[in-house]
């Protein structure tokens, strides 16, 4: 089985993750799947371990390249 690499966490992805979980009410694993990230990175952003100053982006500006 091949392990799929995930993109590096950026400030923009951190803002999107915060919006998906705190504003739209998604679960961390759902936000991780949408953004193509590891669930652990989402948790680190939400607890402030990564990008502690990140703010949620406005939901109407949440562009998801799906």
PDB file of N, CA and C in Angstrom:
ATOM      1  N   UNK A   1       0.851  -1.170   0.000  1.00  0.00           N
ATOM      2  CA  UNK A   1       0.000   0.000   0.000  1.00  0.00           C
ATOM      3  C   UNK A   1       0.900   1.238   0.000  1.00  0.00           C
ATOM      4  N   UNK A   2       0.562   2.209  -0.810  1.00  0.00           N
ATOM      5  CA  UNK A   2       1.322   3.442  -0.909  1.00  0.00           C
ATOM      6  C   UNK A   2       0.749   4.489   0.031  1.00  0.00           C
ATOM      7  N   UNK A   3       1.648   5.147   0.759  1.00  0.00           N
ATOM      8  CA  UNK A   3       1.223   6.218   1.663  1.00  0.00           C
ATOM      9  C   UNK A   3       1.186   7.518   0.878  1.00  0.00           C
ATOM     10  N   UNK A   4       0.052   8.198   0.941  1.00  0.00           N
ATOM     11  CA  UNK A   4      -0.123   9.447   0.206  1.00  0.00           C
ATOM     12  C   UNK A   4       0.496  10.598   1.008  1.00  0.00           C
ATOM     13  N   UNK A   5       1.459  11.313   0.427  1.00  0.00           N
ATOM     14  CA  UNK A   5       2.031  12.461   1.149  1.00  0.00           C
ATOM     15  C   UNK A   5       1.017  13.602   1.232  1.00  0.00           C
ATOM     16  N   UNK A   6       1.057  14.317   2.329  1.00  0.00           N
ATOM     17  CA  UNK A   6       0.152  15.450   2.502  1.00  0.00           C
ATOM     18  C   UNK A   6       0.917  16.741   2.291  1.00  0.00           C
ATOM     19  N   UNK A   7       0.235  17.778   1.834  1.00  0.00           N
ATOM     20  CA  UNK A   7       0.924  19.061   1.625  1.00  0.00           C
ATOM     21  C   UNK A   7       1.330  19.670   2.972  1.00  0.00           C
ATOM     22  N   UNK A   8       2.348  20.513   2.959  1.00  0.00           N
ATOM     23  CA  UNK A   8       2.744  21.162   4.219  1.00  0.00           C
ATOM     24  C   UNK A   8       1.675  22.144   4.695  1.00  0.00           C
ATOM     25  N   UNK A   9       1.564  22.271   5.999  1.00  0.00           N
ATOM     26  CA  UNK A   9       0.610  23.210   6.593  1.00  0.00           C
ATOM     27  C   UNK A   9       1.096  24.633   6.323  1.00  0.00           C
ATOM     28  N   UNK A  10       0.190  25.477   5.905  1.00  0.00           N
ATOM     29  CA  UNK A  10       0.489  26.894   5.684  1.00  0.00           C
ATOM     30  C   UNK A  10      -0.480  27.722   6.511  1.00  0.00           C
ATOM     31  N   UNK A  11      -0.201  29.002   6.617  1.00  0.00           N
ATOM     32  CA  UNK A  11      -1.101  29.892   7.354  1.00  0.00           C
ATOM     33  C   UNK A  11      -2.483  29.927   6.698  1.00  0.00           C
ATOM     34  N   UNK A  12      -2.520  29.857   5.374  1.00  0.00           N
ATOM     35  CA  UNK A  12      -3.800  29.869   4.658  1.00  0.00           C
ATOM     36  C   UNK A  12      -4.601  28.604   4.967  1.00  0.00           C
ATOM     37  N   UNK A  13      -3.927  27.452   4.946  1.00  0.00           N
ATOM     38  CA  UNK A  13      -4.621  26.205   5.278  1.00  0.00           C
ATOM     39  C   UNK A  13      -5.062  26.190   6.731  1.00  0.00           C
ATOM     40  N   UNK A  14      -4.259  26.784   7.609  1.00  0.00           N
ATOM     41  CA  UNK A  14      -4.630  26.862   9.023  1.00  0.00           C
ATOM     42  C   UNK A  14      -5.914  27.669   9.188  1.00  0.00           C
ATOM     43  N   UNK A  15      -6.023  28.787   8.488  1.00  0.00           N
ATOM     44  CA  UNK A  15      -7.236  29.613   8.554  1.00  0.00           C
ATOM     45  C   UNK A  15      -8.445  28.856   8.022  1.00  0.00           C
ATOM     46  N   UNK A  16      -8.252  28.112   6.939  1.00  0.00           N
ATOM     47  CA  UNK A  16      -9.349  27.320   6.387  1.00  0.00           C
ATOM     48  C   UNK A  16      -9.769  26.232   7.362  1.00  0.00           C
ATOM     49  N   UNK A  17      -8.801  25.592   7.999  1.00  0.00           N
ATOM     50  CA  UNK A  17      -9.106  24.531   8.960  1.00  0.00           C
ATOM     51  C   UNK A  17      -9.905  25.080  10.137  1.00  0.00           C
ATOM     52  N   UNK A  18      -9.501  26.228  10.638  1.00  0.00           N
ATOM     53  CA  UNK A  18     -10.213  26.856  11.757  1.00  0.00           C
ATOM     54  C   UNK A  18     -11.650  27.170  11.351  1.00  0.00           C
ATOM     55  N   UNK A  19     -11.832  27.691  10.158  1.00  0.00           N
ATOM     56  CA  UNK A  19     -13.173  28.015   9.668  1.00  0.00           C
ATOM     57  C   UNK A  19     -14.029  26.764   9.553  1.00  0.00           C
ATOM     58  N   UNK A  20     -13.478  25.710   8.968  1.00  0.00           N
ATOM     59  CA  UNK A  20     -14.255  24.483   8.780  1.00  0.00           C
ATOM     60  C   UNK A  20     -14.710  23.884  10.105  1.00  0.00           C
ATOM     61  N   UNK A  21     -13.838  23.919  11.107  1.00  0.00           N
ATOM     62  CA  UNK A  21     -14.163  23.271  12.383  1.00  0.00           C
ATOM     63  C   UNK A  21     -14.958  24.187  13.302  1.00  0.00           C
ATOM     64  N   UNK A  22     -14.498  25.410  13.498  1.00  0.00           N
ATOM     65  CA  UNK A  22     -15.142  26.275  14.500  1.00  0.00           C
ATOM     66  C   UNK A  22     -16.356  27.023  13.970  1.00  0.00           C
ATOM     67  N   UNK A  23     -16.325  27.408  12.713  1.00  0.00           N
ATOM     68  CA  UNK A  23     -17.436  28.197  12.167  1.00  0.00           C
ATOM     69  C   UNK A  23     -18.499  27.291  11.526  1.00  0.00           C
ATOM     70  N   UNK A  24     -18.062  26.337  10.716  1.00  0.00           N
ATOM     71  CA  UNK A  24     -19.015  25.491  10.005  1.00  0.00           C
ATOM     72  C   UNK A  24     -19.392  24.228  10.772  1.00  0.00           C
ATOM     73  N   UNK A  25     -18.673  23.923  11.849  1.00  0.00           N
ATOM     74  CA  UNK A  25     -19.038  22.813  12.713  1.00  0.00           C
ATOM     75  C   UNK A  25     -18.622  21.434  12.246  1.00  0.00           C
ATOM     76  N   UNK A  26     -17.654  21.346  11.329  1.00  0.00           N
ATOM     77  CA  UNK A  26     -17.180  20.042  10.898  1.00  0.00           C
ATOM     78  C   UNK A  26     -16.299  19.429  11.970  1.00  0.00           C
ATOM     79  N   UNK A  27     -16.146  18.129  11.935  1.00  0.00           N
ATOM     80  CA  UNK A  27     -15.225  17.415  12.818  1.00  0.00           C
ATOM     81  C   UNK A  27     -13.809  17.558  12.257  1.00  0.00           C
ATOM     82  N   UNK A  28     -12.824  17.365  13.110  1.00  0.00           N
ATOM     83  CA  UNK A  28     -11.436  17.523  12.679  1.00  0.00           C
ATOM     84  C   UNK A  28     -11.091  16.578  11.533  1.00  0.00           C
ATOM     85  N   UNK A  29     -11.560  15.346  11.585  1.00  0.00           N
ATOM     86  CA  UNK A  29     -11.228  14.401  10.512  1.00  0.00           C
ATOM     87  C   UNK A  29     -11.897  14.795   9.200  1.00  0.00           C
ATOM     88  N   UNK A  30     -13.061  15.426   9.282  1.00  0.00           N
ATOM     89  CA  UNK A  30     -13.731  15.887   8.068  1.00  0.00           C
ATOM     90  C   UNK A  30     -12.965  17.042   7.436  1.00  0.00           C
ATOM     91  N   UNK A  31     -12.521  17.994   8.264  1.00  0.00           N
ATOM     92  CA  UNK A  31     -11.735  19.122   7.757  1.00  0.00           C
ATOM     93  C   UNK A  31     -10.430  18.630   7.155  1.00  0.00           C
ATOM     94  N   UNK A  32      -9.805  17.653   7.809  1.00  0.00           N
ATOM     95  CA  UNK A  32      -8.551  17.101   7.302  1.00  0.00           C
ATOM     96  C   UNK A  32      -8.756  16.462   5.931  1.00  0.00           C
ATOM     97  N   UNK A  33      -9.847  15.719   5.779  1.00  0.00           N
ATOM     98  CA  UNK A  33     -10.127  15.072   4.496  1.00  0.00           C
ATOM     99  C   UNK A  33     -10.397  16.102   3.405  1.00  0.00           C
ATOM    100  N   UNK A  34     -11.129  17.138   3.719  1.00  0.00           N
ATOM    101  CA  UNK A  34     -11.440  18.179   2.730  1.00  0.00           C
ATOM    102  C   UNK A  34     -10.177  18.904   2.282  1.00  0.00           C
ATOM    103  N   UNK A  35      -9.306  19.204   3.239  1.00  0.00           N
ATOM    104  CA  UNK A  35      -8.092  19.968   2.931  1.00  0.00           C
ATOM    105  C   UNK A  35      -6.935  19.082   2.480  1.00  0.00           C
ATOM    106  N   UNK A  36      -7.095  17.765   2.590  1.00  0.00           N
ATOM    107  CA  UNK A  36      -6.028  16.861   2.188  1.00  0.00           C
ATOM    108  C   UNK A  36      -4.867  16.852   3.165  1.00  0.00           C
ATOM    109  N   UNK A  37      -5.162  17.075   4.439  1.00  0.00           N
ATOM    110  CA  UNK A  37      -4.133  17.142   5.462  1.00  0.00           C
ATOM    111  C   UNK A  37      -4.283  16.002   6.449  1.00  0.00           C
ATOM    112  N   UNK A  38      -3.279  15.853   7.288  1.00  0.00           N
ATOM    113  CA  UNK A  38      -3.311  14.891   8.368  1.00  0.00           C
ATOM    114  C   UNK A  38      -4.166  15.460   9.492  1.00  0.00           C
ATOM    115  N   UNK A  39      -4.963  14.635  10.138  1.00  0.00           N
ATOM    116  CA  UNK A  39      -5.829  15.104  11.214  1.00  0.00           C
ATOM    117  C   UNK A  39      -5.022  15.699  12.362  1.00  0.00           C
ATOM    118  N   UNK A  40      -3.821  15.201  12.575  1.00  0.00           N
ATOM    119  CA  UNK A  40      -2.961  15.739  13.629  1.00  0.00           C
ATOM    120  C   UNK A  40      -2.594  17.190  13.399  1.00  0.00           C
ATOM    121  N   UNK A  41      -2.417  17.583  12.132  1.00  0.00           N
ATOM    122  CA  UNK A  41      -2.091  18.990  11.828  1.00  0.00           C
ATOM    123  C   UNK A  41      -3.278  19.886  12.160  1.00  0.00           C
ATOM    124  N   UNK A  42      -4.494  19.394  11.904  1.00  0.00           N
ATOM    125  CA  UNK A  42      -5.698  20.167  12.237  1.00  0.00           C
ATOM    126  C   UNK A  42      -5.759  20.375  13.748  1.00  0.00           C
ATOM    127  N   UNK A  43      -5.493  19.323  14.496  1.00  0.00           N
ATOM    128  CA  UNK A  43      -5.505  19.406  15.957  1.00  0.00           C
ATOM    129  C   UNK A  43      -4.463  20.401  16.462  1.00  0.00           C
ATOM    130  N   UNK A  44      -3.274  20.372  15.863  1.00  0.00           N
ATOM    131  CA  UNK A  44      -2.211  21.300  16.285  1.00  0.00           C
ATOM    132  C   UNK A  44      -2.603  22.756  16.039  1.00  0.00           C
ATOM    133  N   UNK A  45      -3.278  23.009  14.942  1.00  0.00           N
ATOM    134  CA  UNK A  45      -3.730  24.379  14.642  1.00  0.00           C
ATOM    135  C   UNK A  45      -4.794  24.803  15.654  1.00  0.00           C
ATOM    136  N   UNK A  46      -5.748  23.923  15.921  1.00  0.00           N
ATOM    137  CA  UNK A  46      -6.850  24.278  16.814  1.00  0.00           C
ATOM    138  C   UNK A  46      -6.399  24.466  18.259  1.00  0.00           C
ATOM    139  N   UNK A  47      -5.342  23.776  18.669  1.00  0.00           N
ATOM    140  CA  UNK A  47      -4.837  23.930  20.040  1.00  0.00           C
ATOM    141  C   UNK A  47      -3.790  25.030  20.143  1.00  0.00           C
ATOM    142  N   UNK A  48      -3.400  25.605  19.007  1.00  0.00           N
ATOM    143  CA  UNK A  48      -2.445  26.708  19.029  1.00  0.00           C
ATOM    144  C   UNK A  48      -0.989  26.288  18.992  1.00  0.00           C
ATOM    145  N   UNK A  49      -0.704  25.016  18.767  1.00  0.00           N
ATOM    146  CA  UNK A  49       0.678  24.561  18.682  1.00  0.00           C
ATOM    147  C   UNK A  49       1.323  24.969  17.363  1.00  0.00           C
ATOM    148  N   UNK A  50       0.526  25.083  16.334  1.00  0.00           N
ATOM    149  CA  UNK A  50       0.981  25.592  15.030  1.00  0.00           C
ATOM    150  C   UNK A  50       0.118  26.798  14.688  1.00  0.00           C
ATOM    151  N   UNK A  51       0.737  27.797  14.151  1.00  0.00           N
ATOM    152  CA  UNK A  51       0.040  29.019  13.755  1.00  0.00           C
ATOM    153  C   UNK A  51      -0.895  29.520  14.856  1.00  0.00           C
ATOM    154  N   UNK A  52      -0.345  29.847  16.021  1.00  0.00           N
ATOM    155  CA  UNK A  52      -1.187  30.263  17.149  1.00  0.00           C
ATOM    156  C   UNK A  52      -1.959  31.559  16.905  1.00  0.00           C
ATOM    157  N   UNK A  53      -1.505  32.375  15.960  1.00  0.00           N
ATOM    158  CA  UNK A  53      -2.187  33.645  15.679  1.00  0.00           C
ATOM    159  C   UNK A  53      -3.143  33.552  14.493  1.00  0.00           C
ATOM    160  N   UNK A  54      -3.363  32.353  13.973  1.00  0.00           N
ATOM    161  CA  UNK A  54      -4.249  32.187  12.818  1.00  0.00           C
ATOM    162  C   UNK A  54      -5.693  32.494  13.210  1.00  0.00           C
ATOM    163  N   UNK A  55      -6.371  33.178  12.342  1.00  0.00           N
ATOM    164  CA  UNK A  55      -7.785  33.531  12.528  1.00  0.00           C
ATOM    165  C   UNK A  55      -8.614  32.818  11.465  1.00  0.00           C
ATOM    166  N   UNK A  56      -9.886  32.548  11.748  1.00  0.00           N
ATOM    167  CA  UNK A  56     -10.732  31.929  10.724  1.00  0.00           C
ATOM    168  C   UNK A  56     -10.932  32.869   9.537  1.00  0.00           C
ATOM    169  N   UNK A  57     -10.937  32.299   8.349  1.00  0.00           N
ATOM    170  CA  UNK A  57     -11.229  33.131   7.182  1.00  0.00           C
ATOM    171  C   UNK A  57     -12.754  33.226   7.056  1.00  0.00           C
ATOM    172  N   UNK A  58     -13.261  34.285   6.484  1.00  0.00           N
ATOM    173  CA  UNK A  58     -14.718  34.403   6.300  1.00  0.00           C
ATOM    174  C   UNK A  58     -15.246  33.243   5.464  1.00  0.00           C
ATOM    175  N   UNK A  59     -16.340  32.612   5.878  1.00  0.00           N
ATOM    176  CA  UNK A  59     -16.867  31.454   5.130  1.00  0.00           C
ATOM    177  C   UNK A  59     -17.126  31.734   3.653  1.00  0.00           C
ATOM    178  N   UNK A  60     -17.508  32.965   3.334  1.00  0.00           N
ATOM    179  CA  UNK A  60     -17.763  33.272   1.917  1.00  0.00           C
ATOM    180  C   UNK A  60     -16.479  33.374   1.095  1.00  0.00           C
ATOM    181  N   UNK A  61     -15.342  33.432   1.764  1.00  0.00           N
ATOM    182  CA  UNK A  61     -14.050  33.468   1.064  1.00  0.00           C
ATOM    183  C   UNK A  61     -13.333  32.145   1.163  1.00  0.00           C
ATOM    184  N   UNK A  62     -14.020  31.127   1.631  1.00  0.00           N
ATOM    185  CA  UNK A  62     -13.440  29.791   1.792  1.00  0.00           C
ATOM    186  C   UNK A  62     -13.475  29.099   0.442  1.00  0.00           C
ATOM    187  N   UNK A  63     -12.369  29.150  -0.281  1.00  0.00           N
ATOM    188  CA  UNK A  63     -12.303  28.485  -1.577  1.00  0.00           C
ATOM    189  C   UNK A  63     -11.610  27.137  -1.386  1.00  0.00           C
ATOM    190  N   UNK A  64     -12.318  26.107  -1.756  1.00  0.00           N
ATOM    191  CA  UNK A  64     -11.777  24.750  -1.651  1.00  0.00           C
ATOM    192  C   UNK A  64     -11.586  24.204  -3.043  1.00  0.00           C
ATOM    193  N   UNK A  65     -10.352  23.920  -3.395  1.00  0.00           N
ATOM    194  CA  UNK A  65     -10.048  23.377  -4.717  1.00  0.00           C
ATOM    195  C   UNK A  65     -10.257  21.866  -4.673  1.00  0.00           C
ATOM    196  N   UNK A  66     -11.482  21.457  -4.904  1.00  0.00           N
ATOM    197  CA  UNK A  66     -11.813  20.021  -4.835  1.00  0.00           C
ATOM    198  C   UNK A  66     -11.768  19.402  -6.199  1.00  0.00           C
TER     199      UNK A  66
END
